[in-house]
Amino acid sequence: MGFQSVGLKSIISDMGLKNPYTSFPLSELAAENYLLWLIQVGVLRREVDGQGITESFSLTPLGHQLVKKHTGKENWPQASISDRLHNFINPSLRLPV
């Protein structure tokens, strides 16, 4: 995903493991929810073509900076327990737009 856009179909199910975009198989709904969260925090954007929004995603400039910063490192930094709790609770408190 660092250099080209990635379609949702290459992330879901066993394709996500094969490609390797995920560490466990994801349903289409779960993958979409994770990707939408990454869009909300500014790491990803959805690709657009002449007819509108597509099912492909690519990195934003912030996403490119994060990938560049952590390239070559074995693991990305782990979120703290308070970060995980905040990310779990925060979306459930948002009102629909």
N, C-alpha and C. Protein backbone atom coordinates (compact mmCIF):
# COMPACT_ATOMS: atom_id res chain seq x y z
N MET A 1 0.82 -1.19 0.00
CA MET A 1 0.00 0.00 0.00
C MET A 1 0.87 1.25 0.00
N GLY A 2 2.11 1.13 0.33
CA GLY A 2 2.96 2.29 0.40
C GLY A 2 3.17 3.00 -0.92
N PHE A 3 3.11 2.29 -2.03
CA PHE A 3 3.42 2.88 -3.31
C PHE A 3 2.28 2.86 -4.30
N GLN A 4 1.22 2.12 -4.02
CA GLN A 4 0.09 2.04 -4.93
C GLN A 4 -1.19 1.86 -4.12
N SER A 5 -2.32 2.12 -4.78
CA SER A 5 -3.59 1.92 -4.08
C SER A 5 -3.88 0.44 -3.98
N VAL A 6 -4.68 0.09 -2.97
CA VAL A 6 -5.02 -1.30 -2.70
C VAL A 6 -6.54 -1.42 -2.64
N GLY A 7 -7.07 -2.41 -3.34
CA GLY A 7 -8.50 -2.65 -3.34
C GLY A 7 -8.95 -3.42 -2.12
N LEU A 8 -10.19 -3.22 -1.74
CA LEU A 8 -10.74 -3.89 -0.56
C LEU A 8 -10.69 -5.41 -0.70
N LYS A 9 -10.91 -5.92 -1.89
CA LYS A 9 -10.92 -7.38 -2.10
C LYS A 9 -9.56 -8.02 -1.83
N SER A 10 -8.48 -7.26 -1.93
CA SER A 10 -7.16 -7.82 -1.65
C SER A 10 -6.82 -7.78 -0.16
N ILE A 11 -7.71 -7.19 0.66
CA ILE A 11 -7.48 -7.10 2.10
C ILE A 11 -8.34 -8.11 2.86
N ILE A 12 -9.51 -8.44 2.33
CA ILE A 12 -10.45 -9.30 3.07
C ILE A 12 -10.09 -10.78 2.94
N SER A 13 -10.60 -11.53 3.88
CA SER A 13 -10.51 -13.00 3.89
C SER A 13 -9.05 -13.46 3.86
N ASP A 14 -8.79 -14.56 3.17
CA ASP A 14 -7.43 -15.11 3.11
C ASP A 14 -6.50 -14.29 2.24
N MET A 15 -7.06 -13.45 1.36
CA MET A 15 -6.22 -12.60 0.52
C MET A 15 -5.42 -11.61 1.36
N GLY A 16 -5.99 -11.14 2.46
CA GLY A 16 -5.28 -10.23 3.35
C GLY A 16 -4.06 -10.88 3.97
N LEU A 17 -4.17 -12.16 4.28
CA LEU A 17 -3.02 -12.92 4.82
C LEU A 17 -1.99 -13.18 3.73
N LYS A 18 -2.47 -13.52 2.56
CA LYS A 18 -1.58 -13.86 1.45
C LYS A 18 -0.79 -12.64 0.98
N ASN A 19 -1.38 -11.45 1.02
CA ASN A 19 -0.76 -10.27 0.41
C ASN A 19 0.38 -9.57 1.17
N PRO A 20 0.69 -9.57 2.31
CA PRO A 20 0.13 -9.69 3.65
C PRO A 20 -0.29 -8.33 4.21
N TYR A 21 -1.55 -8.03 4.17
CA TYR A 21 -2.09 -6.79 4.72
C TYR A 21 -2.65 -6.99 6.11
N THR A 22 -2.99 -8.22 6.47
CA THR A 22 -3.55 -8.50 7.79
C THR A 22 -2.81 -9.67 8.43
N SER A 23 -2.96 -9.78 9.74
CA SER A 23 -2.35 -10.90 10.44
C SER A 23 -3.37 -12.00 10.74
N PHE A 24 -4.64 -11.73 10.41
CA PHE A 24 -5.70 -12.72 10.55
C PHE A 24 -6.79 -12.39 9.53
N PRO A 25 -7.54 -13.39 9.09
CA PRO A 25 -8.57 -13.14 8.07
C PRO A 25 -9.65 -12.17 8.59
N LEU A 26 -10.04 -11.24 7.72
CA LEU A 26 -11.07 -10.27 8.07
C LEU A 26 -12.27 -10.40 7.14
N SER A 27 -13.45 -10.19 7.69
CA SER A 27 -14.64 -10.11 6.84
C SER A 27 -14.61 -8.76 6.12
N GLU A 28 -15.44 -8.64 5.11
CA GLU A 28 -15.48 -7.38 4.36
C GLU A 28 -15.93 -6.23 5.26
N LEU A 29 -16.92 -6.47 6.11
CA LEU A 29 -17.41 -5.43 7.01
C LEU A 29 -16.33 -5.01 8.01
N ALA A 30 -15.63 -5.97 8.59
CA ALA A 30 -14.57 -5.64 9.56
C ALA A 30 -13.44 -4.86 8.89
N ALA A 31 -13.03 -5.30 7.69
CA ALA A 31 -11.97 -4.59 6.97
C ALA A 31 -12.40 -3.17 6.64
N GLU A 32 -13.62 -3.02 6.19
CA GLU A 32 -14.15 -1.68 5.86
C GLU A 32 -14.14 -0.79 7.10
N ASN A 33 -14.53 -1.33 8.25
CA ASN A 33 -14.55 -0.54 9.48
C ASN A 33 -13.14 -0.12 9.89
N TYR A 34 -12.17 -1.02 9.81
CA TYR A 34 -10.78 -0.67 10.12
C TYR A 34 -10.27 0.39 9.16
N LEU A 35 -10.56 0.25 7.89
CA LEU A 35 -10.09 1.21 6.90
C LEU A 35 -10.76 2.57 7.10
N LEU A 36 -12.03 2.60 7.43
CA LEU A 36 -12.71 3.86 7.69
C LEU A 36 -12.12 4.56 8.91
N TRP A 37 -11.73 3.78 9.92
CA TRP A 37 -11.08 4.38 11.09
C TRP A 37 -9.74 5.01 10.68
N LEU A 38 -8.97 4.32 9.84
CA LEU A 38 -7.70 4.87 9.37
C LEU A 38 -7.91 6.12 8.52
N ILE A 39 -9.02 6.20 7.81
CA ILE A 39 -9.36 7.42 7.07
C ILE A 39 -9.66 8.55 8.05
N GLN A 40 -10.41 8.25 9.10
CA GLN A 40 -10.77 9.27 10.09
C GLN A 40 -9.56 9.85 10.81
N VAL A 41 -8.54 9.03 11.07
CA VAL A 41 -7.35 9.54 11.75
C VAL A 41 -6.35 10.14 10.78
N GLY A 42 -6.61 10.05 9.48
CA GLY A 42 -5.80 10.75 8.50
C GLY A 42 -4.66 9.97 7.90
N VAL A 43 -4.66 8.66 8.03
CA VAL A 43 -3.57 7.83 7.50
C VAL A 43 -3.88 7.32 6.09
N LEU A 44 -5.15 7.08 5.82
CA LEU A 44 -5.58 6.57 4.51
C LEU A 44 -6.56 7.52 3.85
N ARG A 45 -6.71 7.36 2.54
CA ARG A 45 -7.77 8.03 1.81
C ARG A 45 -8.35 7.06 0.80
N ARG A 46 -9.59 7.27 0.46
CA ARG A 46 -10.25 6.43 -0.53
C ARG A 46 -9.97 7.01 -1.90
N GLU A 47 -9.67 6.15 -2.85
CA GLU A 47 -9.38 6.59 -4.21
C GLU A 47 -10.65 7.03 -4.91
N VAL A 48 -10.51 7.99 -5.79
CA VAL A 48 -11.64 8.52 -6.56
C VAL A 48 -11.26 8.46 -8.03
N ASP A 49 -12.22 8.03 -8.85
CA ASP A 49 -11.99 8.07 -10.30
C ASP A 49 -13.01 9.02 -10.92
N GLY A 50 -13.14 9.02 -12.22
CA GLY A 50 -14.03 9.94 -12.91
C GLY A 50 -15.49 9.75 -12.58
N GLN A 51 -15.86 8.60 -12.05
CA GLN A 51 -17.26 8.33 -11.76
C GLN A 51 -17.57 8.35 -10.27
N GLY A 52 -16.59 8.65 -9.45
CA GLY A 52 -16.84 8.74 -8.01
C GLY A 52 -15.86 7.93 -7.20
N ILE A 53 -16.26 7.61 -5.97
CA ILE A 53 -15.43 6.88 -5.03
C ILE A 53 -15.29 5.43 -5.48
N THR A 54 -14.08 4.89 -5.36
CA THR A 54 -13.83 3.50 -5.72
C THR A 54 -13.67 2.66 -4.45
N GLU A 55 -13.36 1.39 -4.61
CA GLU A 55 -13.13 0.53 -3.45
C GLU A 55 -11.65 0.42 -3.10
N SER A 56 -10.83 1.31 -3.67
CA SER A 56 -9.39 1.29 -3.42
C SER A 56 -9.00 2.34 -2.40
N PHE A 57 -7.91 2.05 -1.69
CA PHE A 57 -7.41 2.94 -0.65
C PHE A 57 -5.93 3.21 -0.90
N SER A 58 -5.46 4.39 -0.48
CA SER A 58 -4.04 4.71 -0.58
C SER A 58 -3.64 5.53 0.64
N LEU A 59 -2.34 5.65 0.85
CA LEU A 59 -1.82 6.40 1.99
C LEU A 59 -1.91 7.90 1.74
N THR A 60 -2.16 8.63 2.80
CA THR A 60 -2.09 10.09 2.77
C THR A 60 -0.63 10.49 3.00
N PRO A 61 -0.29 11.77 2.88
CA PRO A 61 1.08 12.19 3.22
C PRO A 61 1.48 11.79 4.65
N LEU A 62 0.55 11.89 5.60
CA LEU A 62 0.84 11.44 6.97
C LEU A 62 1.13 9.95 7.00
N GLY A 63 0.35 9.16 6.26
CA GLY A 63 0.59 7.72 6.18
C GLY A 63 1.96 7.41 5.61
N HIS A 64 2.37 8.15 4.58
CA HIS A 64 3.70 7.96 3.99
C HIS A 64 4.80 8.27 5.01
N GLN A 65 4.59 9.33 5.81
CA GLN A 65 5.58 9.68 6.83
C GLN A 65 5.72 8.57 7.87
N LEU A 66 4.60 8.01 8.29
CA LEU A 66 4.64 6.92 9.28
C LEU A 66 5.33 5.69 8.72
N VAL A 67 5.04 5.34 7.48
CA VAL A 67 5.68 4.18 6.87
C VAL A 67 7.18 4.42 6.74
N LYS A 68 7.57 5.61 6.32
CA LYS A 68 8.99 5.93 6.18
C LYS A 68 9.71 5.88 7.53
N LYS A 69 9.05 6.37 8.57
CA LYS A 69 9.64 6.39 9.91
C LYS A 69 9.86 4.98 10.45
N HIS A 70 8.95 4.06 10.14
CA HIS A 70 9.00 2.73 10.74
C HIS A 70 9.48 1.65 9.77
N THR A 71 9.90 2.01 8.57
CA THR A 71 10.41 1.03 7.62
C THR A 71 11.71 0.43 8.14
N GLY A 72 11.82 -0.87 8.04
CA GLY A 72 13.03 -1.55 8.49
C GLY A 72 12.98 -1.97 9.95
N LYS A 73 12.03 -1.44 10.70
CA LYS A 73 11.88 -1.86 12.10
C LYS A 73 11.04 -3.12 12.12
N GLU A 74 11.32 -3.96 13.09
CA GLU A 74 10.65 -5.26 13.16
C GLU A 74 9.15 -5.10 13.41
N ASN A 75 8.78 -4.30 14.39
CA ASN A 75 7.38 -4.11 14.74
C ASN A 75 7.08 -2.63 14.91
N TRP A 76 5.84 -2.26 14.59
CA TRP A 76 5.40 -0.91 14.86
C TRP A 76 5.17 -0.77 16.35
N PRO A 77 5.25 0.44 16.90
CA PRO A 77 4.99 0.61 18.33
C PRO A 77 3.58 0.15 18.68
N GLN A 78 3.44 -0.48 19.82
CA GLN A 78 2.14 -0.96 20.28
C GLN A 78 1.39 0.16 20.99
N ALA A 79 0.08 0.20 20.80
CA ALA A 79 -0.76 1.17 21.49
C ALA A 79 -0.86 0.80 22.96
N SER A 80 -0.90 1.82 23.80
CA SER A 80 -1.05 1.57 25.24
C SER A 80 -2.48 1.12 25.52
N ILE A 81 -2.70 0.61 26.71
CA ILE A 81 -4.04 0.17 27.10
C ILE A 81 -5.01 1.35 27.09
N SER A 82 -4.55 2.52 27.55
CA SER A 82 -5.44 3.69 27.55
C SER A 82 -5.76 4.13 26.12
N ASP A 83 -4.80 4.03 25.20
CA ASP A 83 -5.06 4.34 23.79
C ASP A 83 -6.10 3.39 23.20
N ARG A 84 -5.94 2.12 23.50
CA ARG A 84 -6.89 1.12 22.99
C ARG A 84 -8.29 1.35 23.56
N LEU A 85 -8.37 1.66 24.84
CA LEU A 85 -9.66 1.93 25.47
C LEU A 85 -10.30 3.17 24.86
N HIS A 86 -9.52 4.21 24.67
CA HIS A 86 -10.02 5.45 24.06
C HIS A 86 -10.54 5.18 22.65
N ASN A 87 -9.81 4.43 21.86
CA ASN A 87 -10.22 4.14 20.48
C ASN A 87 -11.43 3.22 20.44
N PHE A 88 -11.62 2.40 21.46
CA PHE A 88 -12.79 1.52 21.51
C PHE A 88 -14.04 2.31 21.90
N ILE A 89 -13.90 3.18 22.90
CA ILE A 89 -15.06 3.92 23.43
C ILE A 89 -15.42 5.11 22.55
N ASN A 90 -14.45 5.84 22.05
CA ASN A 90 -14.70 7.08 21.32
C ASN A 90 -15.66 6.92 20.14
N PRO A 91 -15.48 5.96 19.22
CA PRO A 91 -16.42 5.86 18.11
C PRO A 91 -17.84 5.54 18.54
N SER A 92 -18.00 4.80 19.63
CA SER A 92 -19.36 4.45 20.06
C SER A 92 -20.09 5.65 20.67
N LEU A 93 -19.37 6.69 21.05
CA LEU A 93 -19.99 7.88 21.62
C LEU A 93 -20.36 8.93 20.57
N ARG A 94 -19.87 8.79 19.36
CA ARG A 94 -20.17 9.74 18.31
C ARG A 94 -21.61 9.61 17.84
N LEU A 95 -22.21 10.73 17.58
CA LEU A 95 -23.56 10.73 17.06
C LEU A 95 -23.53 10.59 15.55
N PRO A 96 -24.53 9.96 14.97
CA PRO A 96 -24.58 9.85 13.52
C PRO A 96 -24.67 11.22 12.87
N VAL A 97 -24.08 11.36 11.73
CA VAL A 97 -24.09 12.66 11.03
C VAL A 97 -25.27 12.74 10.11
